[in-house]
Amino acid sequence: MMRSAVSSIPAAPSDKAMAHFGTAFEYETDCADVHGAIAGGEQDFVLLDTRSPGLYAQGHVPGALNLPHGKIVEIKLRDYPMETLFVVYCTGPHCNGAHRGAERLARLGRPVKLMIGGITGWLAEGFALDTGSSA
């Protein structure tokens, strides 16, 4: 019997799969959870759009602050307590700006999660974007 590329490498045992996938929640959140927290008045994180100011102005998640990943430095974060959770996003799965931003925040000792899907995921969920530049 011929095996597909999918099954040619066996799936991990359940205990290893639980450890792997369970750990992902420490690093990631999704658009629906971010939207739910914002809409429910339970936003206990700072949402950062790590794209350029031009892309941010064209459309961003409501309430997100624009801080391009290359400009994430301690001086820009000085008004936030060290325990502040940051949630970062960029354009979508094809963009690594959120990963770059998350890595910079982690280097600065800041708690961080990545909003998987980014703008692409946000729109796919049917959520609206705001336009204009950040304050």
N, C-alpha and C. Protein backbone atom coordinates (compact mmCIF):
# COMPACT_ATOMS: atom_id res chain seq x y z
N MET A 1 0.85 -1.18 0.00
CA MET A 1 0.00 0.00 0.00
C MET A 1 0.89 1.24 0.00
N MET A 2 0.56 2.16 -0.84
CA MET A 2 1.33 3.41 -0.96
C MET A 2 0.91 4.37 0.14
N ARG A 3 1.89 5.02 0.76
CA ARG A 3 1.60 5.99 1.82
C ARG A 3 1.74 7.40 1.28
N SER A 4 0.91 8.29 1.75
CA SER A 4 0.98 9.69 1.33
C SER A 4 2.11 10.40 2.06
N ALA A 5 2.43 11.59 1.59
CA ALA A 5 3.41 12.41 2.28
C ALA A 5 2.92 12.78 3.68
N VAL A 6 1.61 12.80 3.87
CA VAL A 6 1.03 13.12 5.17
C VAL A 6 1.29 12.01 6.17
N SER A 7 1.06 10.77 5.78
CA SER A 7 1.17 9.66 6.72
C SER A 7 2.51 8.95 6.71
N SER A 8 3.41 9.30 5.80
CA SER A 8 4.70 8.61 5.73
C SER A 8 5.54 8.82 6.98
N ILE A 9 5.35 9.92 7.66
CA ILE A 9 5.96 10.15 8.98
C ILE A 9 4.83 10.03 9.98
N PRO A 10 4.92 9.08 10.90
CA PRO A 10 3.82 8.86 11.85
C PRO A 10 3.57 10.08 12.74
N ALA A 11 2.33 10.24 13.13
CA ALA A 11 1.98 11.31 14.08
C ALA A 11 2.65 11.04 15.42
N ALA A 12 2.93 12.10 16.14
CA ALA A 12 3.55 11.98 17.46
C ALA A 12 2.58 11.30 18.42
N PRO A 13 3.11 10.62 19.43
CA PRO A 13 2.24 10.07 20.47
C PRO A 13 1.44 11.19 21.14
N SER A 14 0.29 10.86 21.68
CA SER A 14 -0.62 11.86 22.25
C SER A 14 0.04 12.72 23.31
N ASP A 15 0.88 12.14 24.18
CA ASP A 15 1.50 12.95 25.23
C ASP A 15 2.43 14.01 24.63
N LYS A 16 3.16 13.66 23.58
CA LYS A 16 4.03 14.64 22.92
C LYS A 16 3.21 15.68 22.17
N ALA A 17 2.12 15.26 21.54
CA ALA A 17 1.25 16.21 20.83
C ALA A 17 0.63 17.19 21.81
N MET A 18 0.18 16.70 22.97
CA MET A 18 -0.39 17.60 23.98
C MET A 18 0.64 18.63 24.45
N ALA A 19 1.86 18.20 24.68
CA ALA A 19 2.90 19.12 25.12
C ALA A 19 3.19 20.16 24.04
N HIS A 20 3.30 19.71 22.81
CA HIS A 20 3.61 20.62 21.70
C HIS A 20 2.49 21.65 21.49
N PHE A 21 1.27 21.16 21.31
CA PHE A 21 0.17 22.07 21.01
C PHE A 21 -0.24 22.90 22.22
N GLY A 22 -0.14 22.34 23.40
CA GLY A 22 -0.45 23.08 24.62
C GLY A 22 0.48 24.25 24.84
N THR A 23 1.74 24.05 24.51
CA THR A 23 2.73 25.12 24.65
C THR A 23 2.44 26.29 23.71
N ALA A 24 1.86 26.01 22.56
CA ALA A 24 1.59 27.08 21.59
C ALA A 24 0.73 28.19 22.19
N PHE A 25 -0.16 27.85 23.12
CA PHE A 25 -1.03 28.87 23.72
C PHE A 25 -0.26 29.86 24.60
N GLU A 26 0.94 29.51 24.99
CA GLU A 26 1.78 30.43 25.75
C GLU A 26 2.37 31.52 24.85
N TYR A 27 2.41 31.25 23.56
CA TYR A 27 3.05 32.15 22.59
C TYR A 27 2.06 32.83 21.65
N GLU A 28 0.88 32.26 21.50
CA GLU A 28 -0.05 32.74 20.49
C GLU A 28 -1.45 32.93 21.06
N THR A 29 -2.18 33.82 20.41
CA THR A 29 -3.61 33.97 20.61
C THR A 29 -4.21 34.13 19.22
N ASP A 30 -5.51 34.17 19.11
CA ASP A 30 -6.08 34.32 17.78
C ASP A 30 -6.97 35.56 17.70
N CYS A 31 -7.40 35.85 16.49
CA CYS A 31 -8.20 37.05 16.23
C CYS A 31 -9.50 37.04 17.01
N ALA A 32 -10.16 35.91 17.08
CA ALA A 32 -11.44 35.83 17.79
C ALA A 32 -11.27 36.13 19.27
N ASP A 33 -10.21 35.63 19.89
CA ASP A 33 -9.99 35.90 21.31
C ASP A 33 -9.64 37.37 21.56
N VAL A 34 -8.84 37.95 20.66
CA VAL A 34 -8.52 39.37 20.79
C VAL A 34 -9.78 40.21 20.62
N HIS A 35 -10.55 39.91 19.59
CA HIS A 35 -11.80 40.64 19.35
C HIS A 35 -12.74 40.51 20.55
N GLY A 36 -12.87 39.30 21.07
CA GLY A 36 -13.75 39.07 22.21
C GLY A 36 -13.33 39.86 23.44
N ALA A 37 -12.03 39.93 23.69
CA ALA A 37 -11.53 40.69 24.84
C ALA A 37 -11.82 42.18 24.67
N ILE A 38 -11.59 42.69 23.46
CA ILE A 38 -11.83 44.11 23.20
C ILE A 38 -13.33 44.42 23.29
N ALA A 39 -14.15 43.63 22.60
CA ALA A 39 -15.60 43.86 22.57
C ALA A 39 -16.23 43.69 23.94
N GLY A 40 -15.67 42.80 24.75
CA GLY A 40 -16.22 42.53 26.07
C GLY A 40 -15.67 43.43 27.16
N GLY A 41 -14.84 44.41 26.78
CA GLY A 41 -14.26 45.31 27.77
C GLY A 41 -13.27 44.62 28.69
N GLU A 42 -12.66 43.55 28.23
CA GLU A 42 -11.73 42.77 29.05
C GLU A 42 -10.31 42.84 28.50
N GLN A 43 -9.97 43.91 27.81
CA GLN A 43 -8.64 44.01 27.21
C GLN A 43 -7.60 44.26 28.29
N ASP A 44 -6.84 43.23 28.60
CA ASP A 44 -5.79 43.31 29.61
C ASP A 44 -4.41 43.17 28.98
N PHE A 45 -4.27 43.71 27.79
CA PHE A 45 -3.03 43.65 27.01
C PHE A 45 -2.95 44.89 26.14
N VAL A 46 -1.76 45.15 25.65
CA VAL A 46 -1.54 46.24 24.69
C VAL A 46 -1.39 45.59 23.32
N LEU A 47 -2.21 46.00 22.38
CA LEU A 47 -2.20 45.44 21.03
C LEU A 47 -1.31 46.30 20.15
N LEU A 48 -0.27 45.68 19.57
CA LEU A 48 0.68 46.40 18.73
C LEU A 48 0.61 45.92 17.29
N ASP A 49 0.41 46.85 16.39
CA ASP A 49 0.50 46.61 14.96
C ASP A 49 1.95 46.90 14.59
N THR A 50 2.68 45.88 14.14
CA THR A 50 4.11 46.03 13.91
C THR A 50 4.45 46.41 12.47
N ARG A 51 3.44 46.79 11.69
CA ARG A 51 3.67 47.17 10.30
C ARG A 51 4.07 48.64 10.19
N SER A 52 4.31 49.07 8.99
CA SER A 52 4.69 50.46 8.74
C SER A 52 3.52 51.39 9.05
N PRO A 53 3.81 52.67 9.33
CA PRO A 53 2.73 53.64 9.56
C PRO A 53 1.77 53.74 8.37
N GLY A 54 2.26 53.61 7.15
CA GLY A 54 1.41 53.69 5.98
C GLY A 54 0.40 52.55 5.92
N LEU A 55 0.86 51.33 6.18
CA LEU A 55 -0.05 50.19 6.20
C LEU A 55 -1.03 50.29 7.36
N TYR A 56 -0.54 50.73 8.51
CA TYR A 56 -1.41 50.92 9.66
C TYR A 56 -2.54 51.90 9.32
N ALA A 57 -2.21 53.01 8.67
CA ALA A 57 -3.21 54.03 8.33
C ALA A 57 -4.26 53.49 7.36
N GLN A 58 -3.87 52.56 6.49
CA GLN A 58 -4.80 51.97 5.53
C GLN A 58 -5.84 51.08 6.21
N GLY A 59 -5.49 50.51 7.34
CA GLY A 59 -6.42 49.65 8.07
C GLY A 59 -5.73 48.88 9.16
N HIS A 60 -6.26 48.97 10.39
CA HIS A 60 -5.67 48.29 11.54
C HIS A 60 -6.78 47.83 12.48
N VAL A 61 -6.41 46.93 13.37
CA VAL A 61 -7.36 46.43 14.36
C VAL A 61 -7.73 47.60 15.27
N PRO A 62 -9.02 47.82 15.53
CA PRO A 62 -9.42 48.92 16.41
C PRO A 62 -8.71 48.84 17.77
N GLY A 63 -8.17 49.97 18.18
CA GLY A 63 -7.49 50.05 19.47
C GLY A 63 -6.02 49.69 19.43
N ALA A 64 -5.54 49.20 18.28
CA ALA A 64 -4.13 48.84 18.18
C ALA A 64 -3.26 50.09 18.08
N LEU A 65 -2.09 50.01 18.67
CA LEU A 65 -1.09 51.06 18.54
C LEU A 65 -0.12 50.65 17.45
N ASN A 66 0.40 51.61 16.72
CA ASN A 66 1.37 51.30 15.68
C ASN A 66 2.78 51.47 16.22
N LEU A 67 3.52 50.38 16.22
CA LEU A 67 4.93 50.40 16.61
C LEU A 67 5.64 49.39 15.72
N PRO A 68 6.18 49.87 14.59
CA PRO A 68 6.87 48.95 13.68
C PRO A 68 7.94 48.14 14.42
N HIS A 69 8.07 46.88 14.03
CA HIS A 69 8.96 45.97 14.75
C HIS A 69 10.37 46.51 14.90
N GLY A 70 10.87 47.22 13.92
CA GLY A 70 12.24 47.76 14.01
C GLY A 70 12.39 48.90 15.00
N LYS A 71 11.28 49.43 15.48
CA LYS A 71 11.32 50.55 16.42
C LYS A 71 10.93 50.14 17.83
N ILE A 72 10.82 48.85 18.07
CA ILE A 72 10.50 48.37 19.42
C ILE A 72 11.78 48.39 20.24
N VAL A 73 11.90 49.42 21.05
CA VAL A 73 13.05 49.61 21.94
C VAL A 73 12.53 50.02 23.31
N GLU A 74 13.36 49.85 24.32
CA GLU A 74 12.93 50.08 25.71
C GLU A 74 12.36 51.48 25.91
N ILE A 75 12.94 52.49 25.34
CA ILE A 75 12.48 53.87 25.55
C ILE A 75 11.02 54.04 25.11
N LYS A 76 10.60 53.31 24.07
CA LYS A 76 9.21 53.40 23.58
C LYS A 76 8.24 52.69 24.53
N LEU A 77 8.77 51.83 25.39
CA LEU A 77 7.92 51.04 26.28
C LEU A 77 7.95 51.55 27.72
N ARG A 78 8.66 52.61 27.95
CA ARG A 78 8.92 53.08 29.33
C ARG A 78 7.66 53.37 30.15
N ASP A 79 6.55 53.69 29.49
CA ASP A 79 5.32 54.00 30.22
C ASP A 79 4.51 52.76 30.61
N TYR A 80 4.98 51.59 30.20
CA TYR A 80 4.27 50.34 30.50
C TYR A 80 5.02 49.56 31.57
N PRO A 81 4.33 49.12 32.62
CA PRO A 81 4.98 48.27 33.62
C PRO A 81 5.58 47.02 32.95
N MET A 82 6.62 46.48 33.54
CA MET A 82 7.32 45.33 32.96
C MET A 82 6.40 44.13 32.77
N GLU A 83 5.35 44.00 33.57
CA GLU A 83 4.48 42.84 33.45
C GLU A 83 3.37 43.01 32.40
N THR A 84 3.34 44.15 31.72
CA THR A 84 2.33 44.39 30.69
C THR A 84 2.45 43.36 29.58
N LEU A 85 1.34 42.73 29.24
CA LEU A 85 1.31 41.78 28.14
C LEU A 85 1.10 42.54 26.83
N PHE A 86 1.97 42.28 25.87
CA PHE A 86 1.84 42.84 24.54
C PHE A 86 1.37 41.74 23.59
N VAL A 87 0.44 42.08 22.72
CA VAL A 87 -0.01 41.18 21.66
C VAL A 87 0.34 41.87 20.35
N VAL A 88 1.09 41.18 19.52
CA VAL A 88 1.58 41.76 18.27
C VAL A 88 0.93 41.09 17.07
N TYR A 89 0.80 41.86 15.99
CA TYR A 89 0.32 41.30 14.73
C TYR A 89 0.91 42.09 13.58
N CYS A 90 0.84 41.49 12.39
CA CYS A 90 1.25 42.17 11.17
C CYS A 90 0.21 41.85 10.10
N THR A 91 0.60 41.78 8.87
CA THR A 91 -0.35 41.59 7.78
C THR A 91 -1.02 40.22 7.83
N GLY A 92 -0.25 39.18 8.04
CA GLY A 92 -0.82 37.84 8.08
C GLY A 92 0.24 36.77 8.08
N PRO A 93 -0.16 35.54 7.77
CA PRO A 93 0.75 34.40 7.84
C PRO A 93 1.97 34.51 6.93
N HIS A 94 1.87 35.30 5.89
CA HIS A 94 2.97 35.45 4.95
C HIS A 94 3.95 36.56 5.36
N CYS A 95 3.72 37.18 6.50
CA CYS A 95 4.51 38.31 6.99
C CYS A 95 5.18 37.92 8.31
N ASN A 96 6.45 38.24 8.48
CA ASN A 96 7.13 37.90 9.73
C ASN A 96 7.33 39.09 10.65
N GLY A 97 6.68 40.20 10.36
CA GLY A 97 6.83 41.39 11.19
C GLY A 97 6.38 41.18 12.63
N ALA A 98 5.32 40.42 12.82
CA ALA A 98 4.85 40.15 14.19
C ALA A 98 5.86 39.27 14.93
N HIS A 99 6.43 38.29 14.24
CA HIS A 99 7.46 37.46 14.87
C HIS A 99 8.68 38.30 15.24
N ARG A 100 9.07 39.20 14.37
CA ARG A 100 10.20 40.09 14.67
C ARG A 100 9.89 40.97 15.88
N GLY A 101 8.67 41.50 15.91
CA GLY A 101 8.27 42.32 17.05
C GLY A 101 8.22 41.53 18.34
N ALA A 102 7.67 40.31 18.27
CA ALA A 102 7.60 39.45 19.46
C ALA A 102 9.00 39.13 19.98
N GLU A 103 9.90 38.86 19.07
CA GLU A 103 11.28 38.55 19.47
C GLU A 103 11.93 39.75 20.14
N ARG A 104 11.71 40.94 19.63
CA ARG A 104 12.28 42.15 20.23
C ARG A 104 11.71 42.39 21.63
N LEU A 105 10.40 42.22 21.77
CA LEU A 105 9.77 42.39 23.08
C LEU A 105 10.32 41.37 24.08
N ALA A 106 10.47 40.14 23.65
CA ALA A 106 11.01 39.10 24.53
C ALA A 106 12.44 39.43 24.95
N ARG A 107 13.24 39.94 24.04
CA ARG A 107 14.62 40.34 24.37
C ARG A 107 14.63 41.44 25.43
N LEU A 108 13.59 42.25 25.44
CA LEU A 108 13.49 43.34 26.42
C LEU A 108 12.84 42.86 27.72
N GLY A 109 12.57 41.57 27.81
CA GLY A 109 12.00 41.01 29.03
C GLY A 109 10.51 41.24 29.18
N ARG A 110 9.84 41.53 28.07
CA ARG A 110 8.41 41.84 28.10
C ARG A 110 7.58 40.61 27.74
N PRO A 111 6.47 40.36 28.46
CA PRO A 111 5.56 39.28 28.08
C PRO A 111 4.93 39.60 26.73
N VAL A 112 4.85 38.60 25.86
CA VAL A 112 4.34 38.84 24.51
C VAL A 112 3.66 37.60 23.96
N LYS A 113 2.60 37.85 23.20
CA LYS A 113 1.94 36.82 22.41
C LYS A 113 1.73 37.35 21.00
N LEU A 114 1.69 36.44 20.06
CA LEU A 114 1.46 36.78 18.67
C LEU A 114 0.00 36.49 18.33
N MET A 115 -0.67 37.45 17.69
CA MET A 115 -2.03 37.22 17.22
C MET A 115 -1.93 36.53 15.86
N ILE A 116 -2.16 35.21 15.85
CA ILE A 116 -2.03 34.47 14.60
C ILE A 116 -3.08 34.93 13.59
N GLY A 117 -2.67 34.98 12.36
CA GLY A 117 -3.58 35.41 11.29
C GLY A 117 -3.40 36.87 10.91
N GLY A 118 -3.03 37.71 11.88
CA GLY A 118 -2.84 39.13 11.59
C GLY A 118 -4.07 39.76 10.96
N ILE A 119 -3.84 40.77 10.13
CA ILE A 119 -4.93 41.47 9.45
C ILE A 119 -5.73 40.51 8.57
N THR A 120 -5.03 39.60 7.90
CA THR A 120 -5.70 38.63 7.04
C THR A 120 -6.70 37.80 7.85
N GLY A 121 -6.28 37.31 8.99
CA GLY A 121 -7.16 36.53 9.86
C GLY A 121 -8.30 37.36 10.42
N TRP A 122 -7.99 38.60 10.80
CA TRP A 122 -8.99 39.51 11.36
C TRP A 122 -10.14 39.70 10.36
N LEU A 123 -9.76 39.98 9.12
CA LEU A 123 -10.77 40.19 8.07
C LEU A 123 -11.51 38.89 7.75
N ALA A 124 -10.81 37.77 7.76
CA ALA A 124 -11.45 36.47 7.48
C ALA A 124 -12.50 36.14 8.54
N GLU A 125 -12.31 36.62 9.75
CA GLU A 125 -13.29 36.41 10.83
C GLU A 125 -14.49 37.34 10.69
N GLY A 126 -14.40 38.31 9.77
CA GLY A 126 -15.51 39.23 9.55
C GLY A 126 -15.46 40.47 10.43
N PHE A 127 -14.29 40.73 11.02
CA PHE A 127 -14.15 41.89 11.90
C PHE A 127 -13.71 43.10 11.10
N ALA A 128 -14.15 44.28 11.52
CA ALA A 128 -13.86 45.53 10.83
C ALA A 128 -12.50 46.09 11.23
N LEU A 129 -11.96 46.91 10.35
CA LEU A 129 -10.71 47.62 10.62
C LEU A 129 -11.00 49.10 10.82
N ASP A 130 -10.15 49.77 11.57
CA ASP A 130 -10.15 51.22 11.66
C ASP A 130 -9.11 51.73 10.68
N THR A 131 -9.24 52.98 10.28
CA THR A 131 -8.26 53.61 9.40
C THR A 131 -7.74 54.87 10.06
N GLY A 132 -6.69 55.41 9.51
CA GLY A 132 -6.07 56.62 10.04
C GLY A 132 -4.81 56.29 10.81
N SER A 133 -4.07 57.34 11.12
CA SER A 133 -2.79 57.13 11.81
C SER A 133 -2.97 57.10 13.32
N SER A 134 -1.96 56.55 13.98
CA SER A 134 -2.04 56.41 15.44
C SER A 134 -1.77 57.74 16.12
N ALA A 135 -2.23 57.84 17.33
CA ALA A 135 -2.03 59.07 18.11
C ALA A 135 -0.59 59.21 18.52
